[in-house]
Amino acid sequence: MMRPLQLAACLAFAVVPFAAGAQDPAPAAQQAALEEGRSLAYTCMGCHGIPEYRNAYPAYRVPKIGGQSEEYLTNALNEYKRGTRRHPTMEAQAKSFSDEDIANLAAFLSSVNK
């Protein structure tokens, strides 16, 4: 049997999500993550935001990353960070990102139209 204080705490907790005016914190957190990702992606757009941009070394067309899947972007950045995917500029960029930075970048970039 629960003590009265425990029961009151359980009931209060159960009612909180349904209280008038209560807001789900997830949308605010998601918006903050997207804004942080937008800020971090500023330097990415110097190469990835230019249509048909060609990289000097190694020489190839730089891919557009806006609209790629969040999973793909997260995996690619983590592989560059670990050095299992090779590109000097991308490795240097990815190594500067925390796991949270990578998640925020992937969330933002995947939300951008192709």
N, C-alpha and C. Protein backbone atom coordinates (compact mmCIF):
# COMPACT_ATOMS: atom_id res chain seq x y z
N MET A 1 0.84 -1.19 0.00
CA MET A 1 0.00 0.00 0.00
C MET A 1 0.88 1.25 0.00
N MET A 2 0.50 2.24 -0.78
CA MET A 2 1.25 3.49 -0.85
C MET A 2 0.90 4.38 0.33
N ARG A 3 1.90 5.12 0.73
CA ARG A 3 1.64 6.14 1.75
C ARG A 3 0.92 7.30 1.09
N PRO A 4 0.19 8.11 1.85
CA PRO A 4 -0.57 9.22 1.26
C PRO A 4 0.31 10.17 0.44
N LEU A 5 1.51 10.45 0.88
CA LEU A 5 2.38 11.38 0.16
C LEU A 5 2.80 10.78 -1.18
N GLN A 6 3.13 9.48 -1.19
CA GLN A 6 3.50 8.82 -2.44
C GLN A 6 2.33 8.83 -3.41
N LEU A 7 1.15 8.53 -2.92
CA LEU A 7 -0.03 8.51 -3.76
C LEU A 7 -0.31 9.90 -4.34
N ALA A 8 -0.19 10.93 -3.52
CA ALA A 8 -0.42 12.30 -3.98
C ALA A 8 0.61 12.67 -5.06
N ALA A 9 1.86 12.26 -4.87
CA ALA A 9 2.90 12.55 -5.85
C ALA A 9 2.61 11.84 -7.17
N CYS A 10 2.17 10.59 -7.10
CA CYS A 10 1.84 9.84 -8.31
C CYS A 10 0.67 10.49 -9.04
N LEU A 11 -0.35 10.88 -8.32
CA LEU A 11 -1.50 11.51 -8.95
C LEU A 11 -1.14 12.85 -9.55
N ALA A 12 -0.33 13.63 -8.85
CA ALA A 12 0.08 14.93 -9.37
C ALA A 12 0.88 14.75 -10.66
N PHE A 13 1.78 13.77 -10.69
CA PHE A 13 2.60 13.54 -11.88
C PHE A 13 1.72 13.10 -13.04
N ALA A 14 0.74 12.27 -12.77
CA ALA A 14 -0.14 11.76 -13.83
C ALA A 14 -0.99 12.87 -14.42
N VAL A 15 -1.31 13.89 -13.66
CA VAL A 15 -2.17 14.96 -14.12
C VAL A 15 -1.39 16.03 -14.88
N VAL A 16 -0.13 16.20 -14.60
CA VAL A 16 0.66 17.29 -15.19
C VAL A 16 0.57 17.35 -16.70
N PRO A 17 0.76 16.25 -17.45
CA PRO A 17 0.72 16.37 -18.90
C PRO A 17 -0.62 16.83 -19.45
N PHE A 18 -1.68 16.66 -18.69
CA PHE A 18 -3.01 17.00 -19.16
C PHE A 18 -3.50 18.32 -18.61
N ALA A 19 -2.69 18.99 -17.84
CA ALA A 19 -3.09 20.26 -17.24
C ALA A 19 -3.30 21.31 -18.33
N ALA A 20 -4.26 22.19 -18.09
CA ALA A 20 -4.53 23.25 -19.07
C ALA A 20 -3.30 24.12 -19.23
N GLY A 21 -2.95 24.40 -20.48
CA GLY A 21 -1.81 25.26 -20.75
C GLY A 21 -0.47 24.55 -20.74
N ALA A 22 -0.45 23.28 -20.36
CA ALA A 22 0.81 22.55 -20.37
C ALA A 22 1.23 22.33 -21.82
N GLN A 23 2.52 22.50 -22.08
CA GLN A 23 3.01 22.32 -23.44
C GLN A 23 4.02 21.20 -23.47
N ASP A 24 4.01 20.48 -24.56
CA ASP A 24 4.96 19.41 -24.78
C ASP A 24 6.34 20.05 -25.03
N PRO A 25 7.37 19.70 -24.26
CA PRO A 25 8.68 20.31 -24.45
C PRO A 25 9.39 19.84 -25.73
N ALA A 26 8.94 18.76 -26.34
CA ALA A 26 9.62 18.22 -27.52
C ALA A 26 9.69 19.20 -28.67
N PRO A 27 8.60 19.88 -29.08
CA PRO A 27 8.72 20.82 -30.19
C PRO A 27 9.72 21.93 -29.93
N ALA A 28 9.76 22.44 -28.72
CA ALA A 28 10.72 23.51 -28.40
C ALA A 28 12.15 22.98 -28.48
N ALA A 29 12.37 21.77 -28.00
CA ALA A 29 13.71 21.16 -28.06
C ALA A 29 14.09 20.88 -29.50
N GLN A 30 13.14 20.41 -30.30
CA GLN A 30 13.41 20.13 -31.71
C GLN A 30 13.74 21.42 -32.45
N GLN A 31 13.02 22.48 -32.15
CA GLN A 31 13.27 23.77 -32.80
C GLN A 31 14.65 24.29 -32.40
N ALA A 32 15.02 24.13 -31.15
CA ALA A 32 16.35 24.57 -30.71
C ALA A 32 17.44 23.77 -31.41
N ALA A 33 17.23 22.46 -31.58
CA ALA A 33 18.21 21.62 -32.28
C ALA A 33 18.34 22.04 -33.74
N LEU A 34 17.22 22.36 -34.38
CA LEU A 34 17.25 22.81 -35.78
C LEU A 34 17.98 24.15 -35.91
N GLU A 35 17.74 25.05 -34.97
CA GLU A 35 18.42 26.35 -35.01
C GLU A 35 19.92 26.19 -34.78
N GLU A 36 20.29 25.32 -33.88
CA GLU A 36 21.72 25.06 -33.65
C GLU A 36 22.33 24.42 -34.90
N GLY A 37 21.60 23.49 -35.51
CA GLY A 37 22.07 22.87 -36.75
C GLY A 37 22.24 23.88 -37.87
N ARG A 38 21.30 24.82 -37.96
CA ARG A 38 21.39 25.88 -38.98
C ARG A 38 22.65 26.70 -38.77
N SER A 39 22.94 27.03 -37.54
CA SER A 39 24.14 27.81 -37.22
C SER A 39 25.41 27.04 -37.58
N LEU A 40 25.44 25.75 -37.23
CA LEU A 40 26.61 24.93 -37.53
C LEU A 40 26.79 24.70 -39.04
N ALA A 41 25.68 24.66 -39.77
CA ALA A 41 25.74 24.37 -41.20
C ALA A 41 26.21 25.56 -42.03
N TYR A 42 26.38 26.69 -41.42
CA TYR A 42 26.80 27.88 -42.15
C TYR A 42 28.09 27.61 -42.94
N THR A 43 29.07 27.00 -42.31
CA THR A 43 30.33 26.72 -43.02
C THR A 43 30.15 25.62 -44.06
N CYS A 44 29.24 24.71 -43.85
CA CYS A 44 28.99 23.63 -44.82
C CYS A 44 28.54 24.20 -46.16
N MET A 45 27.76 25.26 -46.09
CA MET A 45 27.18 25.84 -47.30
C MET A 45 28.24 26.49 -48.19
N GLY A 46 29.43 26.78 -47.64
CA GLY A 46 30.50 27.34 -48.44
C GLY A 46 30.91 26.43 -49.58
N CYS A 47 30.74 25.13 -49.43
CA CYS A 47 31.03 24.16 -50.50
C CYS A 47 29.76 23.46 -50.96
N HIS A 48 29.00 22.94 -50.00
CA HIS A 48 27.84 22.11 -50.33
C HIS A 48 26.64 22.91 -50.81
N GLY A 49 26.67 24.22 -50.63
CA GLY A 49 25.54 25.04 -51.04
C GLY A 49 25.70 25.69 -52.40
N ILE A 50 26.80 25.41 -53.08
CA ILE A 50 27.07 26.02 -54.39
C ILE A 50 26.75 25.00 -55.48
N PRO A 51 25.75 25.28 -56.31
CA PRO A 51 25.40 24.32 -57.38
C PRO A 51 26.59 24.04 -58.30
N GLU A 52 26.82 22.76 -58.56
CA GLU A 52 27.88 22.29 -59.47
C GLU A 52 29.29 22.68 -59.04
N TYR A 53 29.49 22.95 -57.75
CA TYR A 53 30.82 23.31 -57.26
C TYR A 53 31.74 22.11 -57.37
N ARG A 54 32.96 22.35 -57.82
CA ARG A 54 33.95 21.29 -57.93
C ARG A 54 35.08 21.56 -56.96
N ASN A 55 35.40 20.55 -56.20
CA ASN A 55 36.47 20.63 -55.21
C ASN A 55 37.82 20.48 -55.91
N ALA A 56 38.81 21.22 -55.45
CA ALA A 56 40.14 21.16 -56.07
C ALA A 56 40.89 19.88 -55.70
N TYR A 57 40.78 19.46 -54.43
CA TYR A 57 41.50 18.26 -54.01
C TYR A 57 40.68 17.51 -52.97
N PRO A 58 40.46 16.26 -53.14
CA PRO A 58 40.54 15.55 -54.41
C PRO A 58 39.47 16.08 -55.35
N ALA A 59 39.74 16.07 -56.63
CA ALA A 59 38.87 16.71 -57.63
C ALA A 59 37.59 15.90 -57.86
N TYR A 60 36.46 16.49 -57.53
CA TYR A 60 35.15 15.91 -57.82
C TYR A 60 34.09 16.97 -57.54
N ARG A 61 32.90 16.74 -58.05
CA ARG A 61 31.78 17.64 -57.80
C ARG A 61 31.32 17.46 -56.36
N VAL A 62 31.23 18.56 -55.64
CA VAL A 62 30.80 18.52 -54.24
C VAL A 62 29.30 18.25 -54.20
N PRO A 63 28.86 17.23 -53.47
CA PRO A 63 27.43 16.90 -53.45
C PRO A 63 26.60 17.89 -52.64
N LYS A 64 25.35 18.05 -53.06
CA LYS A 64 24.40 18.81 -52.25
C LYS A 64 24.00 17.91 -51.08
N ILE A 65 23.95 18.47 -49.90
CA ILE A 65 23.59 17.66 -48.74
C ILE A 65 22.22 18.03 -48.17
N GLY A 66 21.67 19.16 -48.58
CA GLY A 66 20.35 19.54 -48.12
C GLY A 66 19.31 18.55 -48.60
N GLY A 67 18.52 18.04 -47.69
CA GLY A 67 17.47 17.08 -48.04
C GLY A 67 17.90 15.63 -47.95
N GLN A 68 19.19 15.38 -47.69
CA GLN A 68 19.63 13.99 -47.48
C GLN A 68 18.97 13.46 -46.21
N SER A 69 18.91 12.17 -46.06
CA SER A 69 18.28 11.61 -44.86
C SER A 69 19.15 11.90 -43.63
N GLU A 70 18.47 12.05 -42.52
CA GLU A 70 19.15 12.32 -41.25
C GLU A 70 20.12 11.19 -40.90
N GLU A 71 19.69 9.96 -41.17
CA GLU A 71 20.53 8.80 -40.87
C GLU A 71 21.81 8.82 -41.72
N TYR A 72 21.65 9.09 -43.01
CA TYR A 72 22.82 9.14 -43.90
C TYR A 72 23.81 10.21 -43.44
N LEU A 73 23.30 11.42 -43.16
CA LEU A 73 24.17 12.51 -42.74
C LEU A 73 24.89 12.20 -41.43
N THR A 74 24.17 11.63 -40.48
CA THR A 74 24.77 11.26 -39.20
C THR A 74 25.87 10.23 -39.40
N ASN A 75 25.58 9.20 -40.19
CA ASN A 75 26.58 8.16 -40.46
C ASN A 75 27.80 8.73 -41.15
N ALA A 76 27.59 9.56 -42.18
CA ALA A 76 28.72 10.12 -42.93
C ALA A 76 29.60 10.98 -42.03
N LEU A 77 28.99 11.85 -41.24
CA LEU A 77 29.79 12.71 -40.36
C LEU A 77 30.55 11.90 -39.31
N ASN A 78 29.91 10.87 -38.77
CA ASN A 78 30.60 10.02 -37.79
C ASN A 78 31.75 9.25 -38.43
N GLU A 79 31.57 8.82 -39.67
CA GLU A 79 32.65 8.12 -40.37
C GLU A 79 33.82 9.06 -40.65
N TYR A 80 33.54 10.29 -41.04
CA TYR A 80 34.61 11.27 -41.23
C TYR A 80 35.31 11.54 -39.90
N LYS A 81 34.53 11.64 -38.85
CA LYS A 81 35.09 11.91 -37.52
C LYS A 81 36.02 10.79 -37.07
N ARG A 82 35.64 9.55 -37.35
CA ARG A 82 36.47 8.39 -36.97
C ARG A 82 37.63 8.17 -37.94
N GLY A 83 37.55 8.77 -39.13
CA GLY A 83 38.59 8.57 -40.13
C GLY A 83 38.35 7.35 -41.00
N THR A 84 37.18 6.73 -40.91
CA THR A 84 36.87 5.57 -41.74
C THR A 84 36.31 5.98 -43.10
N ARG A 85 35.97 7.23 -43.25
CA ARG A 85 35.58 7.82 -44.53
C ARG A 85 36.56 8.96 -44.75
N ARG A 86 37.21 8.98 -45.90
CA ARG A 86 38.35 9.86 -46.09
C ARG A 86 38.05 11.08 -46.97
N HIS A 87 38.35 12.23 -46.44
CA HIS A 87 38.41 13.49 -47.17
C HIS A 87 39.00 14.49 -46.18
N PRO A 88 40.15 15.08 -46.50
CA PRO A 88 40.86 15.92 -45.53
C PRO A 88 40.00 17.03 -44.92
N THR A 89 39.29 17.76 -45.75
CA THR A 89 38.48 18.87 -45.23
C THR A 89 37.34 18.35 -44.36
N MET A 90 36.66 17.31 -44.83
CA MET A 90 35.53 16.78 -44.07
C MET A 90 35.98 16.13 -42.77
N GLU A 91 37.11 15.47 -42.78
CA GLU A 91 37.63 14.88 -41.55
C GLU A 91 37.90 15.97 -40.51
N ALA A 92 38.53 17.05 -40.95
CA ALA A 92 38.84 18.16 -40.02
C ALA A 92 37.55 18.78 -39.48
N GLN A 93 36.57 18.98 -40.36
CA GLN A 93 35.30 19.54 -39.91
C GLN A 93 34.62 18.61 -38.91
N ALA A 94 34.50 17.35 -39.27
CA ALA A 94 33.75 16.40 -38.43
C ALA A 94 34.41 16.20 -37.07
N LYS A 95 35.73 16.23 -37.02
CA LYS A 95 36.42 16.04 -35.74
C LYS A 95 36.16 17.20 -34.78
N SER A 96 35.74 18.33 -35.32
CA SER A 96 35.44 19.48 -34.45
C SER A 96 34.03 19.41 -33.87
N PHE A 97 33.21 18.47 -34.33
CA PHE A 97 31.82 18.38 -33.88
C PHE A 97 31.65 17.38 -32.75
N SER A 98 30.81 17.74 -31.79
CA SER A 98 30.39 16.80 -30.76
C SER A 98 29.30 15.91 -31.35
N ASP A 99 28.93 14.87 -30.63
CA ASP A 99 27.83 14.00 -31.08
C ASP A 99 26.53 14.81 -31.19
N GLU A 100 26.32 15.73 -30.26
CA GLU A 100 25.13 16.58 -30.31
C GLU A 100 25.17 17.50 -31.53
N ASP A 101 26.35 18.04 -31.84
CA ASP A 101 26.49 18.88 -33.03
C ASP A 101 26.11 18.10 -34.28
N ILE A 102 26.61 16.88 -34.39
CA ILE A 102 26.32 16.04 -35.55
C ILE A 102 24.82 15.77 -35.65
N ALA A 103 24.19 15.47 -34.53
CA ALA A 103 22.74 15.22 -34.52
C ALA A 103 21.98 16.47 -34.96
N ASN A 104 22.39 17.63 -34.47
CA ASN A 104 21.72 18.88 -34.83
C ASN A 104 21.93 19.23 -36.31
N LEU A 105 23.16 19.04 -36.79
CA LEU A 105 23.45 19.27 -38.21
C LEU A 105 22.60 18.36 -39.09
N ALA A 106 22.57 17.08 -38.76
CA ALA A 106 21.80 16.11 -39.56
C ALA A 106 20.32 16.45 -39.54
N ALA A 107 19.81 16.86 -38.38
CA ALA A 107 18.39 17.22 -38.28
C ALA A 107 18.10 18.43 -39.17
N PHE A 108 18.95 19.45 -39.11
CA PHE A 108 18.72 20.64 -39.92
C PHE A 108 18.86 20.35 -41.41
N LEU A 109 19.99 19.75 -41.79
CA LEU A 109 20.25 19.52 -43.21
C LEU A 109 19.21 18.61 -43.85
N SER A 110 18.72 17.64 -43.09
CA SER A 110 17.68 16.74 -43.65
C SER A 110 16.36 17.47 -43.83
N SER A 111 16.17 18.58 -43.13
CA SER A 111 14.92 19.33 -43.25
C SER A 111 14.95 20.34 -44.38
N VAL A 112 16.12 20.56 -44.98
CA VAL A 112 16.27 21.53 -46.06
C VAL A 112 15.84 20.88 -47.38
N ASN A 113 15.10 21.61 -48.17
CA ASN A 113 14.65 21.08 -49.48
C ASN A 113 15.82 20.83 -50.39
N LYS A 114 15.69 19.81 -51.20
CA LYS A 114 16.74 19.47 -52.17
C LYS A 114 16.82 20.53 -53.25
